Amino acid sequence: MNAQSDKPLRRNPDVAFRELAEGEGGVLLHLVSGSYHGLNDVGALIWELVDGERTRADIVDAVRQRVDDPPPSLDDEVSSFIAALHERELVI
């Protein structure tokens, strides 16, 4: 775990989110690059939880509480997803 994991995550202000039909997740659009990123329901939940106040650990805990029967690999999966959001400059 790096030092960034204890800092609150914020959404990049240059990213727009659109929720799809219930149960279908959502779509992120990076307004500068023009790239779209599809999210499943859990990805959309994680996006919702990135509020500028929660750390990676807080988000993992919140997802664990909201997902029915979370898998043992949940921590790693959420951390990998957040890392991918960082790489794509969707969160800062």
C-alpha atoms as a PDB file:
ATOM      1  CA  MET A   1       0.000   0.000   0.000  1.00  0.00           C
ATOM      2  CA  ASN A   2       1.404   3.402  -0.908  1.00  0.00           C
ATOM      3  CA  ALA A   3       1.165   6.723   0.886  1.00  0.00           C
ATOM      4  CA  GLN A   4      -1.649   7.773  -1.439  1.00  0.00           C
ATOM      5  CA  SER A   5      -3.988   5.181   0.085  1.00  0.00           C
ATOM      6  CA  ASP A   6      -4.589   7.275   3.207  1.00  0.00           C
ATOM      7  CA  LYS A   7      -5.519  10.452   1.323  1.00  0.00           C
ATOM      8  CA  PRO A   8      -9.115  11.206   0.373  1.00  0.00           C
ATOM      9  CA  LEU A   9      -9.962  10.529  -3.261  1.00  0.00           C
ATOM     10  CA  ARG A  10     -11.633  13.191  -5.383  1.00  0.00           C
ATOM     11  CA  ARG A  11     -13.324  12.945  -8.741  1.00  0.00           C
ATOM     12  CA  ASN A  12     -11.525  14.736 -11.531  1.00  0.00           C
ATOM     13  CA  PRO A  13     -13.710  17.801 -12.277  1.00  0.00           C
ATOM     14  CA  ASP A  14     -13.136  17.145 -16.006  1.00  0.00           C
ATOM     15  CA  VAL A  15     -15.074  13.871 -15.793  1.00  0.00           C
ATOM     16  CA  ALA A  16     -18.823  13.538 -16.295  1.00  0.00           C
ATOM     17  CA  PHE A  17     -20.836  10.544 -15.039  1.00  0.00           C
ATOM     18  CA  ARG A  18     -24.102   9.253 -16.414  1.00  0.00           C
ATOM     19  CA  GLU A  19     -26.013   6.485 -14.722  1.00  0.00           C
ATOM     20  CA  LEU A  20     -27.583   3.925 -17.040  1.00  0.00           C
ATOM     21  CA  ALA A  21     -30.796   2.005 -16.399  1.00  0.00           C
ATOM     22  CA  GLU A  22     -31.000   0.461 -12.945  1.00  0.00           C
ATOM     23  CA  GLY A  23     -28.733  -2.540 -12.691  1.00  0.00           C
ATOM     24  CA  GLU A  24     -26.667  -1.526 -15.723  1.00  0.00           C
ATOM     25  CA  GLY A  25     -24.001   0.686 -14.104  1.00  0.00           C
ATOM     26  CA  GLY A  26     -22.930   3.892 -15.764  1.00  0.00           C
ATOM     27  CA  VAL A  27     -20.537   5.680 -18.086  1.00  0.00           C
ATOM     28  CA  LEU A  28     -17.706   8.118 -17.355  1.00  0.00           C
ATOM     29  CA  LEU A  29     -16.635  10.649 -19.970  1.00  0.00           C
ATOM     30  CA  HIS A  30     -13.259  12.358 -19.606  1.00  0.00           C
ATOM     31  CA  LEU A  31     -14.130  15.754 -21.082  1.00  0.00           C
ATOM     32  CA  VAL A  32     -10.528  16.646 -22.000  1.00  0.00           C
ATOM     33  CA  SER A  33      -9.478  13.382 -23.667  1.00  0.00           C
ATOM     34  CA  GLY A  34     -12.958  12.470 -24.937  1.00  0.00           C
ATOM     35  CA  SER A  35     -12.574   8.890 -23.691  1.00  0.00           C
ATOM     36  CA  TYR A  36     -15.528   6.918 -22.362  1.00  0.00           C
ATOM     37  CA  HIS A  37     -15.286   4.343 -19.584  1.00  0.00           C
ATOM     38  CA  GLY A  38     -18.119   1.916 -18.855  1.00  0.00           C
ATOM     39  CA  LEU A  39     -18.857   0.971 -15.244  1.00  0.00           C
ATOM     40  CA  ASN A  40     -20.762  -1.980 -13.881  1.00  0.00           C
ATOM     41  CA  ASP A  41     -22.972  -1.529 -10.794  1.00  0.00           C
ATOM     42  CA  VAL A  42     -20.080  -1.914  -8.354  1.00  0.00           C
ATOM     43  CA  GLY A  43     -17.945   0.505 -10.384  1.00  0.00           C
ATOM     44  CA  ALA A  44     -20.797   3.033 -10.312  1.00  0.00           C
ATOM     45  CA  LEU A  45     -21.075   2.528  -6.530  1.00  0.00           C
ATOM     46  CA  ILE A  46     -17.346   3.166  -6.131  1.00  0.00           C
ATOM     47  CA  TRP A  47     -17.656   6.314  -8.273  1.00  0.00           C
ATOM     48  CA  GLU A  48     -20.499   7.495  -6.018  1.00  0.00           C
ATOM     49  CA  LEU A  49     -18.324   6.889  -2.947  1.00  0.00           C
ATOM     50  CA  VAL A  50     -15.416   8.975  -4.298  1.00  0.00           C
ATOM     51  CA  ASP A  51     -16.536  12.185  -2.608  1.00  0.00           C
ATOM     52  CA  GLY A  52     -13.336  13.965  -1.630  1.00  0.00           C
ATOM     53  CA  GLU A  53     -13.664  12.791   1.970  1.00  0.00           C
ATOM     54  CA  ARG A  54     -13.254   9.012   1.804  1.00  0.00           C
ATOM     55  CA  THR A  55      -9.903   7.268   1.515  1.00  0.00           C
ATOM     56  CA  ARG A  56      -9.353   4.046  -0.418  1.00  0.00           C
ATOM     57  CA  ALA A  57      -9.830   2.077   2.819  1.00  0.00           C
ATOM     58  CA  ASP A  58     -13.091   3.938   3.567  1.00  0.00           C
ATOM     59  CA  ILE A  59     -14.371   3.117   0.079  1.00  0.00           C
ATOM     60  CA  VAL A  60     -13.477  -0.571   0.453  1.00  0.00           C
ATOM     61  CA  ASP A  61     -15.367  -0.680   3.785  1.00  0.00           C
ATOM     62  CA  ALA A  62     -18.408   1.073   2.289  1.00  0.00           C
ATOM     63  CA  VAL A  63     -18.517  -1.275  -0.715  1.00  0.00           C
ATOM     64  CA  ARG A  64     -18.230  -4.293   1.607  1.00  0.00           C
ATOM     65  CA  GLN A  65     -21.262  -3.025   3.572  1.00  0.00           C
ATOM     66  CA  ARG A  66     -23.385  -2.407   0.456  1.00  0.00           C
ATOM     67  CA  VAL A  67     -22.606  -5.511  -1.608  1.00  0.00           C
ATOM     68  CA  ASP A  68     -24.479  -8.725  -0.866  1.00  0.00           C
ATOM     69  CA  ASP A  69     -22.115 -11.597  -0.101  1.00  0.00           C
ATOM     70  CA  PRO A  70     -18.855  -9.761  -0.934  1.00  0.00           C
ATOM     71  CA  PRO A  71     -16.068 -12.007  -2.271  1.00  0.00           C
ATOM     72  CA  PRO A  72     -12.870 -12.517  -0.218  1.00  0.00           C
ATOM     73  CA  SER A  73     -10.960 -10.666  -2.966  1.00  0.00           C
ATOM     74  CA  LEU A  74     -13.100  -7.530  -2.590  1.00  0.00           C
ATOM     75  CA  ASP A  75     -10.302  -5.395  -1.099  1.00  0.00           C
ATOM     76  CA  ASP A  76      -7.944  -6.214  -3.973  1.00  0.00           C
ATOM     77  CA  GLU A  77     -10.636  -5.752  -6.620  1.00  0.00           C
ATOM     78  CA  VAL A  78     -11.693  -2.332  -5.298  1.00  0.00           C
ATOM     79  CA  SER A  79      -8.064  -1.249  -4.929  1.00  0.00           C
ATOM     80  CA  SER A  80      -7.308  -2.350  -8.510  1.00  0.00           C
ATOM     81  CA  PHE A  81     -10.366  -0.487  -9.795  1.00  0.00           C
ATOM     82  CA  ILE A  82      -9.328   2.691  -7.947  1.00  0.00           C
ATOM     83  CA  ALA A  83      -5.794   2.317  -9.341  1.00  0.00           C
ATOM     84  CA  ALA A  84      -7.275   2.080 -12.847  1.00  0.00           C
ATOM     85  CA  LEU A  85      -9.331   5.246 -12.212  1.00  0.00           C
ATOM     86  CA  HIS A  86      -6.081   6.991 -11.186  1.00  0.00           C
ATOM     87  CA  GLU A  87      -4.230   5.756 -14.291  1.00  0.00           C
ATOM     88  CA  ARG A  88      -6.991   7.131 -16.522  1.00  0.00           C
ATOM     89  CA  GLU A  89      -6.967  10.427 -14.579  1.00  0.00           C
ATOM     90  CA  LEU A  90     -10.615   9.978 -13.597  1.00  0.00           C
ATOM     91  CA  VAL A  91      -9.854  10.499  -9.888  1.00  0.00           C
ATOM     92  CA  ILE A  92      -7.204  12.605  -8.200  1.00  0.00           C
END
